[in-house]
């Protein structure tokens, strides 16, 4: 019963808003006007060069992700199974790249101005 409640909550908070956006995308009227069904927004979205560039970039990232997983698996296998020079530095660099994107958020939460911790080193 508890599992069903979790599924219902996830559905309410994720699927329902996406459904509203999808249905609202077929509204071709201006703001404050009566609802009018149409494909104008979809046609405009898929005929602009900016949207097509975004779709191309998303496709390129989707192609790169499996390659990155393979490279990451190979590097992690090397770090665990083989004695290679610079092993500790490589591991540190991988951990640093994992945590550095959150550093400006952590600085802001600590009350520091962004980038000041890195500049003081």
PDB file of N, CA and C in Angstrom:
ATOM      1  N   UNK A   1       0.819  -1.195   0.000  1.00  0.00           N
ATOM      2  CA  UNK A   1       0.000   0.000   0.000  1.00  0.00           C
ATOM      3  C   UNK A   1       0.869   1.266   0.000  1.00  0.00           C
ATOM      4  N   UNK A   2       1.963   1.209   0.768  1.00  0.00           N
ATOM      5  CA  UNK A   2       2.864   2.356   0.822  1.00  0.00           C
ATOM      6  C   UNK A   2       3.534   2.585  -0.524  1.00  0.00           C
ATOM      7  N   UNK A   3       3.889   1.487  -1.203  1.00  0.00           N
ATOM      8  CA  UNK A   3       4.501   1.601  -2.526  1.00  0.00           C
ATOM      9  C   UNK A   3       3.568   2.257  -3.522  1.00  0.00           C
ATOM     10  N   UNK A   4       2.282   1.955  -3.430  1.00  0.00           N
ATOM     11  CA  UNK A   4       1.296   2.567  -4.318  1.00  0.00           C
ATOM     12  C   UNK A   4       1.183   4.064  -4.056  1.00  0.00           C
ATOM     13  N   UNK A   5       1.307   4.463  -2.793  1.00  0.00           N
ATOM     14  CA  UNK A   5       1.260   5.886  -2.457  1.00  0.00           C
ATOM     15  C   UNK A   5       2.476   6.607  -3.036  1.00  0.00           C
ATOM     16  N   UNK A   6       3.635   5.962  -3.007  1.00  0.00           N
ATOM     17  CA  UNK A   6       4.840   6.575  -3.574  1.00  0.00           C
ATOM     18  C   UNK A   6       4.699   6.728  -5.086  1.00  0.00           C
ATOM     19  N   UNK A   7       4.175   5.701  -5.741  1.00  0.00           N
ATOM     20  CA  UNK A   7       3.970   5.781  -7.189  1.00  0.00           C
ATOM     21  C   UNK A   7       2.979   6.893  -7.526  1.00  0.00           C
ATOM     22  N   UNK A   8       1.930   7.024  -6.720  1.00  0.00           N
ATOM     23  CA  UNK A   8       0.951   8.088  -6.961  1.00  0.00           C
ATOM     24  C   UNK A   8       1.579   9.468  -6.767  1.00  0.00           C
ATOM     25  N   UNK A   9       2.413   9.627  -5.747  1.00  0.00           N
ATOM     26  CA  UNK A   9       3.064  10.913  -5.501  1.00  0.00           C
ATOM     27  C   UNK A   9       4.026  11.268  -6.628  1.00  0.00           C
ATOM     28  N   UNK A  10       4.792  10.293  -7.074  1.00  0.00           N
ATOM     29  CA  UNK A  10       5.719  10.543  -8.177  1.00  0.00           C
ATOM     30  C   UNK A  10       4.942  10.916  -9.437  1.00  0.00           C
ATOM     31  N   UNK A  11       3.843  10.258  -9.678  1.00  0.00           N
ATOM     32  CA  UNK A  11       3.014  10.568 -10.839  1.00  0.00           C
ATOM     33  C   UNK A  11       2.465  11.986 -10.748  1.00  0.00           C
ATOM     34  N   UNK A  12       1.986  12.352  -9.586  1.00  0.00           N
ATOM     35  CA  UNK A  12       1.405  13.685  -9.426  1.00  0.00           C
ATOM     36  C   UNK A  12       2.455  14.770  -9.631  1.00  0.00           C
ATOM     37  N   UNK A  13       3.647  14.571  -9.068  1.00  0.00           N
ATOM     38  CA  UNK A  13       4.658  15.628  -9.103  1.00  0.00           C
ATOM     39  C   UNK A  13       5.530  15.629 -10.357  1.00  0.00           C
ATOM     40  N   UNK A  14       5.462  14.589 -11.184  1.00  0.00           N
ATOM     41  CA  UNK A  14       6.288  14.582 -12.390  1.00  0.00           C
ATOM     42  C   UNK A  14       5.467  14.467 -13.669  1.00  0.00           C
ATOM     43  N   UNK A  15       4.610  13.506 -13.753  1.00  0.00           N
ATOM     44  CA  UNK A  15       3.884  13.255 -14.999  1.00  0.00           C
ATOM     45  C   UNK A  15       2.812  14.308 -15.242  1.00  0.00           C
ATOM     46  N   UNK A  16       2.109  14.731 -14.222  1.00  0.00           N
ATOM     47  CA  UNK A  16       1.026  15.695 -14.401  1.00  0.00           C
ATOM     48  C   UNK A  16       1.548  17.045 -14.913  1.00  0.00           C
ATOM     49  N   UNK A  17       2.624  17.634 -14.326  1.00  0.00           N
ATOM     50  CA  UNK A  17       3.123  18.895 -14.897  1.00  0.00           C
ATOM     51  C   UNK A  17       3.603  18.759 -16.342  1.00  0.00           C
ATOM     52  N   UNK A  18       4.237  17.647 -16.667  1.00  0.00           N
ATOM     53  CA  UNK A  18       4.676  17.432 -18.042  1.00  0.00           C
ATOM     54  C   UNK A  18       3.461  17.349 -18.964  1.00  0.00           C
ATOM     55  N   UNK A  19       2.403  16.715 -18.502  1.00  0.00           N
ATOM     56  CA  UNK A  19       1.171  16.648 -19.285  1.00  0.00           C
ATOM     57  C   UNK A  19       0.569  18.027 -19.523  1.00  0.00           C
ATOM     58  N   UNK A  20       0.580  18.872 -18.489  1.00  0.00           N
ATOM     59  CA  UNK A  20       0.066  20.234 -18.658  1.00  0.00           C
ATOM     60  C   UNK A  20       0.885  21.011 -19.677  1.00  0.00           C
ATOM     61  N   UNK A  21       2.198  20.868 -19.638  1.00  0.00           N
ATOM     62  CA  UNK A  21       3.054  21.564 -20.601  1.00  0.00           C
ATOM     63  C   UNK A  21       2.792  21.051 -22.010  1.00  0.00           C
ATOM     64  N   UNK A  22       2.655  19.735 -22.142  1.00  0.00           N
ATOM     65  CA  UNK A  22       2.400  19.151 -23.456  1.00  0.00           C
ATOM     66  C   UNK A  22       1.067  19.625 -24.023  1.00  0.00           C
ATOM     67  N   UNK A  23       0.018  19.609 -23.212  1.00  0.00           N
ATOM     68  CA  UNK A  23      -1.288  20.074 -23.690  1.00  0.00           C
ATOM     69  C   UNK A  23      -1.236  21.566 -23.980  1.00  0.00           C
ATOM     70  N   UNK A  24      -0.560  22.343 -23.123  1.00  0.00           N
ATOM     71  CA  UNK A  24      -0.460  23.783 -23.334  1.00  0.00           C
ATOM     72  C   UNK A  24       0.336  24.154 -24.570  1.00  0.00           C
ATOM     73  N   UNK A  25       1.184  23.254 -25.041  1.00  0.00           N
ATOM     74  CA  UNK A  25       1.967  23.560 -26.238  1.00  0.00           C
ATOM     75  C   UNK A  25       1.119  23.604 -27.497  1.00  0.00           C
ATOM     76  N   UNK A  26      -0.079  23.089 -27.436  1.00  0.00           N
ATOM     77  CA  UNK A  26      -0.975  23.130 -28.593  1.00  0.00           C
ATOM     78  C   UNK A  26      -1.873  24.364 -28.589  1.00  0.00           C
ATOM     79  N   UNK A  27      -1.708  25.255 -27.622  1.00  0.00           N
ATOM     80  CA  UNK A  27      -2.482  26.495 -27.556  1.00  0.00           C
ATOM     81  C   UNK A  27      -1.810  27.543 -28.428  1.00  0.00           C
ATOM     82  N   UNK A  28      -2.494  27.994 -29.467  1.00  0.00           N
ATOM     83  CA  UNK A  28      -1.914  28.974 -30.392  1.00  0.00           C
ATOM     84  C   UNK A  28      -2.402  30.390 -30.139  1.00  0.00           C
ATOM     85  N   UNK A  29      -3.231  30.600 -29.127  1.00  0.00           N
ATOM     86  CA  UNK A  29      -3.741  31.950 -28.863  1.00  0.00           C
ATOM     87  C   UNK A  29      -2.735  32.755 -28.052  1.00  0.00           C
ATOM     88  N   UNK A  30      -2.897  34.071 -28.086  1.00  0.00           N
ATOM     89  CA  UNK A  30      -2.037  34.952 -27.303  1.00  0.00           C
ATOM     90  C   UNK A  30      -2.431  34.886 -25.836  1.00  0.00           C
ATOM     91  N   UNK A  31      -1.577  35.438 -24.988  1.00  0.00           N
ATOM     92  CA  UNK A  31      -1.845  35.437 -23.555  1.00  0.00           C
ATOM     93  C   UNK A  31      -3.098  36.248 -23.262  1.00  0.00           C
ATOM     94  N   UNK A  32      -3.982  35.687 -22.470  1.00  0.00           N
ATOM     95  CA  UNK A  32      -5.226  36.348 -22.106  1.00  0.00           C
ATOM     96  C   UNK A  32      -6.356  36.112 -23.081  1.00  0.00           C
ATOM     97  N   UNK A  33      -6.106  35.437 -24.177  1.00  0.00           N
ATOM     98  CA  UNK A  33      -7.136  35.157 -25.173  1.00  0.00           C
ATOM     99  C   UNK A  33      -7.734  33.774 -24.919  1.00  0.00           C
ATOM    100  N   UNK A  34      -8.819  33.484 -25.607  1.00  0.00           N
ATOM    101  CA  UNK A  34      -9.471  32.179 -25.475  1.00  0.00           C
ATOM    102  C   UNK A  34      -8.570  31.091 -26.060  1.00  0.00           C
ATOM    103  N   UNK A  35      -8.726  29.894 -25.533  1.00  0.00           N
ATOM    104  CA  UNK A  35      -7.923  28.741 -25.950  1.00  0.00           C
ATOM    105  C   UNK A  35      -8.188  28.428 -27.413  1.00  0.00           C
ATOM    106  N   UNK A  36      -7.138  28.190 -28.189  1.00  0.00           N
ATOM    107  CA  UNK A  36      -7.271  27.847 -29.595  1.00  0.00           C
ATOM    108  C   UNK A  36      -6.259  26.751 -29.911  1.00  0.00           C
ATOM    109  N   UNK A  37      -6.744  25.601 -30.357  1.00  0.00           N
ATOM    110  CA  UNK A  37      -5.883  24.459 -30.667  1.00  0.00           C
ATOM    111  C   UNK A  37      -5.164  24.675 -31.983  1.00  0.00           C
ATOM    112  N   UNK A  38      -3.911  24.193 -32.046  1.00  0.00           N
ATOM    113  CA  UNK A  38      -3.171  24.280 -33.289  1.00  0.00           C
ATOM    114  C   UNK A  38      -1.748  23.777 -33.126  1.00  0.00           C
ATOM    115  N   UNK A  39      -1.060  23.672 -34.248  1.00  0.00           N
ATOM    116  CA  UNK A  39       0.323  23.202 -34.258  1.00  0.00           C
ATOM    117  C   UNK A  39       1.314  24.334 -34.523  1.00  0.00           C
ATOM    118  N   UNK A  40       0.880  25.570 -34.383  1.00  0.00           N
ATOM    119  CA  UNK A  40       1.729  26.713 -34.700  1.00  0.00           C
ATOM    120  C   UNK A  40       3.001  26.768 -33.872  1.00  0.00           C
ATOM    121  N   UNK A  41       2.893  26.499 -32.581  1.00  0.00           N
ATOM    122  CA  UNK A  41       4.083  26.544 -31.720  1.00  0.00           C
ATOM    123  C   UNK A  41       5.069  25.439 -32.086  1.00  0.00           C
ATOM    124  N   UNK A  42       4.535  24.261 -32.399  1.00  0.00           N
ATOM    125  CA  UNK A  42       5.415  23.146 -32.793  1.00  0.00           C
ATOM    126  C   UNK A  42       6.087  23.428 -34.131  1.00  0.00           C
ATOM    127  N   UNK A  43       5.331  23.992 -35.060  1.00  0.00           N
ATOM    128  CA  UNK A  43       5.899  24.327 -36.366  1.00  0.00           C
ATOM    129  C   UNK A  43       6.974  25.389 -36.217  1.00  0.00           C
ATOM    130  N   UNK A  44       6.723  26.394 -35.386  1.00  0.00           N
ATOM    131  CA  UNK A  44       7.709  27.446 -35.164  1.00  0.00           C
ATOM    132  C   UNK A  44       8.951  26.882 -34.469  1.00  0.00           C
ATOM    133  N   UNK A  45       8.753  25.971 -33.542  1.00  0.00           N
ATOM    134  CA  UNK A  45       9.888  25.405 -32.804  1.00  0.00           C
ATOM    135  C   UNK A  45      10.805  24.589 -33.706  1.00  0.00           C
ATOM    136  N   UNK A  46      10.224  23.833 -34.614  1.00  0.00           N
ATOM    137  CA  UNK A  46      11.042  22.952 -35.441  1.00  0.00           C
ATOM    138  C   UNK A  46      11.497  23.577 -36.750  1.00  0.00           C
ATOM    139  N   UNK A  47      11.160  24.840 -36.980  1.00  0.00           N
ATOM    140  CA  UNK A  47      11.654  25.491 -38.184  1.00  0.00           C
ATOM    141  C   UNK A  47      12.716  26.539 -37.887  1.00  0.00           C
ATOM    142  N   UNK A  48      12.937  26.856 -36.627  1.00  0.00           N
ATOM    143  CA  UNK A  48      13.988  27.819 -36.298  1.00  0.00           C
ATOM    144  C   UNK A  48      15.338  27.114 -36.248  1.00  0.00           C
ATOM    145  N   UNK A  49      16.369  27.825 -36.675  1.00  0.00           N
ATOM    146  CA  UNK A  49      17.709  27.225 -36.703  1.00  0.00           C
ATOM    147  C   UNK A  49      18.238  26.978 -35.298  1.00  0.00           C
ATOM    148  N   UNK A  50      17.827  27.797 -34.365  1.00  0.00           N
ATOM    149  CA  UNK A  50      18.296  27.625 -32.987  1.00  0.00           C
ATOM    150  C   UNK A  50      17.807  26.308 -32.392  1.00  0.00           C
ATOM    151  N   UNK A  51      16.573  25.967 -32.655  1.00  0.00           N
ATOM    152  CA  UNK A  51      16.033  24.706 -32.153  1.00  0.00           C
ATOM    153  C   UNK A  51      16.728  23.522 -32.810  1.00  0.00           C
ATOM    154  N   UNK A  52      16.956  23.618 -34.099  1.00  0.00           N
ATOM    155  CA  UNK A  52      17.629  22.524 -34.790  1.00  0.00           C
ATOM    156  C   UNK A  52      19.069  22.363 -34.299  1.00  0.00           C
ATOM    157  N   UNK A  53      19.738  23.474 -33.967  1.00  0.00           N
ATOM    158  CA  UNK A  53      21.077  23.384 -33.388  1.00  0.00           C
ATOM    159  C   UNK A  53      21.026  22.721 -32.015  1.00  0.00           C
ATOM    160  N   UNK A  54      20.009  23.031 -31.236  1.00  0.00           N
ATOM    161  CA  UNK A  54      19.863  22.421 -29.914  1.00  0.00           C
ATOM    162  C   UNK A  54      19.606  20.926 -30.021  1.00  0.00           C
ATOM    163  N   UNK A  55      18.788  20.527 -30.979  1.00  0.00           N
ATOM    164  CA  UNK A  55      18.528  19.097 -31.182  1.00  0.00           C
ATOM    165  C   UNK A  55      19.808  18.389 -31.609  1.00  0.00           C
ATOM    166  N   UNK A  56      20.585  19.028 -32.487  1.00  0.00           N
ATOM    167  CA  UNK A  56      21.866  18.451 -32.909  1.00  0.00           C
ATOM    168  C   UNK A  56      22.839  18.318 -31.751  1.00  0.00           C
ATOM    169  N   UNK A  57      22.888  19.343 -30.879  1.00  0.00           N
ATOM    170  CA  UNK A  57      23.776  19.269 -29.718  1.00  0.00           C
ATOM    171  C   UNK A  57      23.331  18.172 -28.761  1.00  0.00           C
ATOM    172  N   UNK A  58      22.035  18.007 -28.567  1.00  0.00           N
ATOM    173  CA  UNK A  58      21.525  16.938 -27.701  1.00  0.00           C
ATOM    174  C   UNK A  58      21.860  15.567 -28.270  1.00  0.00           C
ATOM    175  N   UNK A  59      21.732  15.426 -29.576  1.00  0.00           N
ATOM    176  CA  UNK A  59      22.081  14.154 -30.211  1.00  0.00           C
ATOM    177  C   UNK A  59      23.566  13.866 -30.049  1.00  0.00           C
ATOM    178  N   UNK A  60      24.402  14.892 -30.215  1.00  0.00           N
ATOM    179  CA  UNK A  60      25.843  14.712 -30.054  1.00  0.00           C
ATOM    180  C   UNK A  60      26.193  14.286 -28.629  1.00  0.00           C
ATOM    181  N   UNK A  61      25.543  14.888 -27.640  1.00  0.00           N
ATOM    182  CA  UNK A  61      25.769  14.486 -26.249  1.00  0.00           C
ATOM    183  C   UNK A  61      25.284  13.060 -25.995  1.00  0.00           C
ATOM    184  N   UNK A  62      24.182  12.690 -26.618  1.00  0.00           N
ATOM    185  CA  UNK A  62      23.678  11.326 -26.448  1.00  0.00           C
ATOM    186  C   UNK A  62      24.630  10.306 -27.050  1.00  0.00           C
ATOM    187  N   UNK A  63      25.331  10.684 -28.104  1.00  0.00           N
ATOM    188  CA  UNK A  63      26.318   9.783 -28.709  1.00  0.00           C
ATOM    189  C   UNK A  63      27.580   9.721 -27.855  1.00  0.00           C
ATOM    190  N   UNK A  64      27.952  10.850 -27.252  1.00  0.00           N
ATOM    191  CA  UNK A  64      29.173  10.898 -26.458  1.00  0.00           C
ATOM    192  C   UNK A  64      29.052  10.192 -25.109  1.00  0.00           C
ATOM    193  N   UNK A  65      27.865  10.131 -24.542  1.00  0.00           N
ATOM    194  CA  UNK A  65      27.699   9.571 -23.195  1.00  0.00           C
ATOM    195  C   UNK A  65      28.169   8.119 -23.092  1.00  0.00           C
ATOM    196  N   UNK A  66      27.790   7.217 -23.992  1.00  0.00           N
ATOM    197  CA  UNK A  66      28.292   5.843 -23.877  1.00  0.00           C
ATOM    198  C   UNK A  66      29.810   5.752 -24.038  1.00  0.00           C
ATOM    199  N   UNK A  67      30.374   6.617 -24.869  1.00  0.00           N
ATOM    200  CA  UNK A  67      31.830   6.632 -25.031  1.00  0.00           C
ATOM    201  C   UNK A  67      32.488   7.057 -23.720  1.00  0.00           C
ATOM    202  N   UNK A  68      31.920   8.053 -23.047  1.00  0.00           N
ATOM    203  CA  UNK A  68      32.459   8.493 -21.765  1.00  0.00           C
ATOM    204  C   UNK A  68      32.348   7.404 -20.707  1.00  0.00           C
ATOM    205  N   UNK A  69      31.273   6.641 -20.736  1.00  0.00           N
ATOM    206  CA  UNK A  69      31.118   5.535 -19.779  1.00  0.00           C
ATOM    207  C   UNK A  69      32.204   4.485 -20.016  1.00  0.00           C
ATOM    208  N   UNK A  70      32.477   4.174 -21.251  1.00  0.00           N
ATOM    209  CA  UNK A  70      33.509   3.177 -21.568  1.00  0.00           C
ATOM    210  C   UNK A  70      34.886   3.677 -21.116  1.00  0.00           C
ATOM    211  N   UNK A  71      35.189   4.937 -21.405  1.00  0.00           N
ATOM    212  CA  UNK A  71      36.480   5.503 -20.989  1.00  0.00           C
ATOM    213  C   UNK A  71      36.579   5.544 -19.465  1.00  0.00           C
ATOM    214  N   UNK A  72      35.507   5.957 -18.800  1.00  0.00           N
ATOM    215  CA  UNK A  72      35.506   5.996 -17.340  1.00  0.00           C
ATOM    216  C   UNK A  72      35.673   4.619 -16.729  1.00  0.00           C
ATOM    217  N   UNK A  73      35.015   3.624 -17.305  1.00  0.00           N
ATOM    218  CA  UNK A  73      35.168   2.263 -16.807  1.00  0.00           C
ATOM    219  C   UNK A  73      36.606   1.784 -16.968  1.00  0.00           C
ATOM    220  N   UNK A  74      37.215   2.076 -18.110  1.00  0.00           N
ATOM    221  CA  UNK A  74      38.591   1.660 -18.357  1.00  0.00           C
ATOM    222  C   UNK A  74      39.555   2.333 -17.384  1.00  0.00           C
ATOM    223  N   UNK A  75      39.380   3.644 -17.143  1.00  0.00           N
ATOM    224  CA  UNK A  75      40.252   4.351 -16.205  1.00  0.00           C
ATOM    225  C   UNK A  75      40.075   3.816 -14.794  1.00  0.00           C
ATOM    226  N   UNK A  76      38.842   3.576 -14.378  1.00  0.00           N
ATOM    227  CA  UNK A  76      38.623   3.041 -13.031  1.00  0.00           C
ATOM    228  C   UNK A  76      39.199   1.638 -12.899  1.00  0.00           C
ATOM    229  N   UNK A  77      39.086   0.846 -13.935  1.00  0.00           N
ATOM    230  CA  UNK A  77      39.680  -0.499 -13.897  1.00  0.00           C
ATOM    231  C   UNK A  77      41.201  -0.406 -13.753  1.00  0.00           C
ATOM    232  N   UNK A  78      41.801   0.529 -14.502  1.00  0.00           N
ATOM    233  CA  UNK A  78      43.250   0.723 -14.389  1.00  0.00           C
ATOM    234  C   UNK A  78      43.651   1.150 -12.980  1.00  0.00           C
ATOM    235  N   UNK A  79      42.884   2.064 -12.392  1.00  0.00           N
ATOM    236  CA  UNK A  79      43.238   2.560 -11.066  1.00  0.00           C
ATOM    237  C   UNK A  79      43.150   1.473 -10.003  1.00  0.00           C
ATOM    238  N   UNK A  80      42.207   0.565 -10.161  1.00  0.00           N
ATOM    239  CA  UNK A  80      42.012  -0.470  -9.141  1.00  0.00           C
ATOM    240  C   UNK A  80      42.903  -1.676  -9.370  1.00  0.00           C
ATOM    241  N   UNK A  81      43.099  -2.095 -10.587  1.00  0.00           N
ATOM    242  CA  UNK A  81      43.761  -3.367 -10.878  1.00  0.00           C
ATOM    243  C   UNK A  81      45.243  -3.277 -11.218  1.00  0.00           C
ATOM    244  N   UNK A  82      45.696  -2.137 -11.713  1.00  0.00           N
ATOM    245  CA  UNK A  82      47.062  -2.049 -12.229  1.00  0.00           C
ATOM    246  C   UNK A  82      47.820  -0.969 -11.457  1.00  0.00           C
ATOM    247  N   UNK A  83      49.067  -1.237 -11.138  1.00  0.00           N
ATOM    248  CA  UNK A  83      49.925  -0.235 -10.508  1.00  0.00           C
ATOM    249  C   UNK A  83      50.471   0.679 -11.604  1.00  0.00           C
ATOM    250  N   UNK A  84      49.920   1.884 -11.703  1.00  0.00           N
ATOM    251  CA  UNK A  84      50.385   2.817 -12.720  1.00  0.00           C
ATOM    252  C   UNK A  84      50.986   4.045 -12.028  1.00  0.00           C
ATOM    253  N   UNK A  85      51.985   4.669 -12.633  1.00  0.00           N
ATOM    254  CA  UNK A  85      52.557   5.872 -12.027  1.00  0.00           C
ATOM    255  C   UNK A  85      51.538   7.012 -12.038  1.00  0.00           C
ATOM    256  N   UNK A  86      51.527   7.790 -10.975  1.00  0.00           N
ATOM    257  CA  UNK A  86      50.596   8.905 -10.880  1.00  0.00           C
ATOM    258  C   UNK A  86      49.195   8.491 -10.517  1.00  0.00           C
ATOM    259  N   UNK A  87      49.057   7.304  -9.972  1.00  0.00           N
ATOM    260  CA  UNK A  87      47.739   6.764  -9.661  1.00  0.00           C
ATOM    261  C   UNK A  87      46.979   7.652  -8.676  1.00  0.00           C
ATOM    262  N   UNK A  88      47.644   8.119  -7.636  1.00  0.00           N
ATOM    263  CA  UNK A  88      46.965   8.949  -6.639  1.00  0.00           C
ATOM    264  C   UNK A  88      46.577  10.304  -7.228  1.00  0.00           C
ATOM    265  N   UNK A  89      47.423  10.865  -8.098  1.00  0.00           N
ATOM    266  CA  UNK A  89      47.076  12.136  -8.727  1.00  0.00           C
ATOM    267  C   UNK A  89      45.871  11.986  -9.656  1.00  0.00           C
ATOM    268  N   UNK A  90      45.826  10.895 -10.422  1.00  0.00           N
ATOM    269  CA  UNK A  90      44.693  10.661 -11.322  1.00  0.00           C
ATOM    270  C   UNK A  90      43.410  10.516 -10.520  1.00  0.00           C
ATOM    271  N   UNK A  91      43.492   9.776  -9.425  1.00  0.00           N
ATOM    272  CA  UNK A  91      42.302   9.608  -8.592  1.00  0.00           C
ATOM    273  C   UNK A  91      41.864  10.937  -7.997  1.00  0.00           C
ATOM    274  N   UNK A  92      42.834  11.746  -7.513  1.00  0.00           N
ATOM    275  CA  UNK A  92      42.503  13.063  -6.978  1.00  0.00           C
ATOM    276  C   UNK A  92      41.853  13.939  -8.053  1.00  0.00           C
ATOM    277  N   UNK A  93      42.400  13.932  -9.262  1.00  0.00           N
ATOM    278  CA  UNK A  93      41.850  14.752 -10.349  1.00  0.00           C
ATOM    279  C   UNK A  93      40.425  14.332 -10.693  1.00  0.00           C
ATOM    280  N   UNK A  94      40.160  13.039 -10.675  1.00  0.00           N
ATOM    281  CA  UNK A  94      38.796  12.573 -10.963  1.00  0.00           C
ATOM    282  C   UNK A  94      37.825  13.010  -9.875  1.00  0.00           C
ATOM    283  N   UNK A  95      38.251  12.912  -8.606  1.00  0.00           N
ATOM    284  CA  UNK A  95      37.388  13.366  -7.516  1.00  0.00           C
ATOM    285  C   UNK A  95      37.196  14.880  -7.562  1.00  0.00           C
ATOM    286  N   UNK A  96      38.252  15.611  -7.886  1.00  0.00           N
ATOM    287  CA  UNK A  96      38.144  17.070  -7.966  1.00  0.00           C
ATOM    288  C   UNK A  96      37.163  17.479  -9.065  1.00  0.00           C
ATOM    289  N   UNK A  97      37.229  16.809 -10.198  1.00  0.00           N
ATOM    290  CA  UNK A  97      36.293  17.146 -11.278  1.00  0.00           C
ATOM    291  C   UNK A  97      34.860  16.795 -10.905  1.00  0.00           C
ATOM    292  N   UNK A  98      34.700  15.861  -9.989  1.00  0.00           N
ATOM    293  CA  UNK A  98      33.358  15.493  -9.535  1.00  0.00           C
ATOM    294  C   UNK A  98      32.796  16.560  -8.595  1.00  0.00           C
ATOM    295  N   UNK A  99      33.645  17.135  -7.724  1.00  0.00           N
ATOM    296  CA  UNK A  99      33.160  18.075  -6.724  1.00  0.00           C
ATOM    297  C   UNK A  99      33.254  19.538  -7.137  1.00  0.00           C
ATOM    298  N   UNK A 100      34.088  19.903  -8.090  1.00  0.00           N
ATOM    299  CA  UNK A 100      34.264  21.307  -8.443  1.00  0.00           C
ATOM    300  C   UNK A 100      33.013  21.979  -9.010  1.00  0.00           C
ATOM    301  N   UNK A 101      32.140  21.319  -9.756  1.00  0.00           N
ATOM    302  CA  UNK A 101      30.951  22.042 -10.224  1.00  0.00           C
ATOM    303  C   UNK A 101      30.081  22.577  -9.088  1.00  0.00           C
ATOM    304  N   UNK A 102      30.112  21.951  -7.930  1.00  0.00           N
ATOM    305  CA  UNK A 102      29.327  22.438  -6.799  1.00  0.00           C
ATOM    306  C   UNK A 102      30.042  23.445  -5.929  1.00  0.00           C
ATOM    307  N   UNK A 103      31.288  23.784  -6.244  1.00  0.00           N
ATOM    308  CA  UNK A 103      32.060  24.684  -5.407  1.00  0.00           C
ATOM    309  C   UNK A 103      31.458  26.086  -5.306  1.00  0.00           C
ATOM    310  N   UNK A 104      31.006  26.720  -6.376  1.00  0.00           N
ATOM    311  CA  UNK A 104      30.396  28.050  -6.212  1.00  0.00           C
ATOM    312  C   UNK A 104      29.156  28.028  -5.315  1.00  0.00           C
ATOM    313  N   UNK A 105      28.390  26.955  -5.365  1.00  0.00           N
ATOM    314  CA  UNK A 105      27.211  26.841  -4.503  1.00  0.00           C
ATOM    315  C   UNK A 105      27.644  26.720  -3.048  1.00  0.00           C
ATOM    316  N   UNK A 106      28.674  25.915  -2.791  1.00  0.00           N
ATOM    317  CA  UNK A 106      29.167  25.753  -1.427  1.00  0.00           C
ATOM    318  C   UNK A 106      29.752  27.063  -0.909  1.00  0.00           C
ATOM    319  N   UNK A 107      30.444  27.819  -1.755  1.00  0.00           N
ATOM    320  CA  UNK A 107      30.985  29.107  -1.335  1.00  0.00           C
ATOM    321  C   UNK A 107      29.871  30.074  -0.971  1.00  0.00           C
ATOM    322  N   UNK A 108      28.832  30.101  -1.765  1.00  0.00           N
ATOM    323  CA  UNK A 108      27.706  30.990  -1.487  1.00  0.00           C
ATOM    324  C   UNK A 108      27.019  30.584  -0.191  1.00  0.00           C
ATOM    325  N   UNK A 109      26.877  29.275   0.051  1.00  0.00           N
ATOM    326  CA  UNK A 109      26.249  28.799   1.277  1.00  0.00           C
ATOM    327  C   UNK A 109      27.110  29.115   2.496  1.00  0.00           C
ATOM    328  N   UNK A 110      28.429  29.164   2.318  1.00  0.00           N
ATOM    329  CA  UNK A 110      29.330  29.477   3.427  1.00  0.00           C
ATOM    330  C   UNK A 110      29.438  30.981   3.658  1.00  0.00           C
ATOM    331  N   UNK A 111      28.786  31.779   2.841  1.00  0.00           N
ATOM    332  CA  UNK A 111      28.824  33.226   3.013  1.00  0.00           C
ATOM    333  C   UNK A 111      29.986  33.898   2.323  1.00  0.00           C
ATOM    334  N   UNK A 112      30.720  33.179   1.503  1.00  0.00           N
ATOM    335  CA  UNK A 112      31.851  33.744   0.775  1.00  0.00           C
ATOM    336  C   UNK A 112      31.381  34.247  -0.586  1.00  0.00           C
ATOM    337  N   UNK A 113      32.119  35.193  -1.120  1.00  0.00           N
ATOM    338  CA  UNK A 113      31.866  35.593  -2.495  1.00  0.00           C
ATOM    339  C   UNK A 113      32.341  34.484  -3.417  1.00  0.00           C
ATOM    340  N   UNK A 114      31.663  34.214  -4.526  1.00  0.00           N
ATOM    341  CA  UNK A 114      32.084  33.138  -5.428  1.00  0.00           C
ATOM    342  C   UNK A 114      33.518  33.336  -5.915  1.00  0.00           C
ATOM    343  N   UNK A 115      34.225  32.232  -6.023  1.00  0.00           N
ATOM    344  CA  UNK A 115      35.601  32.155  -6.542  1.00  0.00           C
ATOM    345  C   UNK A 115      36.675  32.700  -5.598  1.00  0.00           C
ATOM    346  N   UNK A 116      36.310  33.165  -4.400  1.00  0.00           N
ATOM    347  CA  UNK A 116      37.345  33.699  -3.513  1.00  0.00           C
ATOM    348  C   UNK A 116      38.160  32.599  -2.873  1.00  0.00           C
ATOM    349  N   UNK A 117      37.590  31.437  -2.622  1.00  0.00           N
ATOM    350  CA  UNK A 117      38.337  30.344  -2.015  1.00  0.00           C
ATOM    351  C   UNK A 117      39.425  29.875  -2.984  1.00  0.00           C
ATOM    352  N   UNK A 118      39.092  29.768  -4.243  1.00  0.00           N
ATOM    353  CA  UNK A 118      40.091  29.332  -5.225  1.00  0.00           C
ATOM    354  C   UNK A 118      41.177  30.381  -5.436  1.00  0.00           C
ATOM    355  N   UNK A 119      40.825  31.645  -5.349  1.00  0.00           N
ATOM    356  CA  UNK A 119      41.810  32.701  -5.586  1.00  0.00           C
ATOM    357  C   UNK A 119      42.795  32.851  -4.429  1.00  0.00           C
ATOM    358  N   UNK A 120      42.419  32.447  -3.216  1.00  0.00           N
ATOM    359  CA  UNK A 120      43.302  32.595  -2.066  1.00  0.00           C
ATOM    360  C   UNK A 120      44.360  31.506  -1.999  1.00  0.00           C
ATOM    361  N   UNK A 121      44.237  30.463  -2.783  1.00  0.00           N
ATOM    362  CA  UNK A 121      45.197  29.363  -2.718  1.00  0.00           C
ATOM    363  C   UNK A 121      46.558  29.772  -3.224  1.00  0.00           C
TER     364      UNK A 121
END
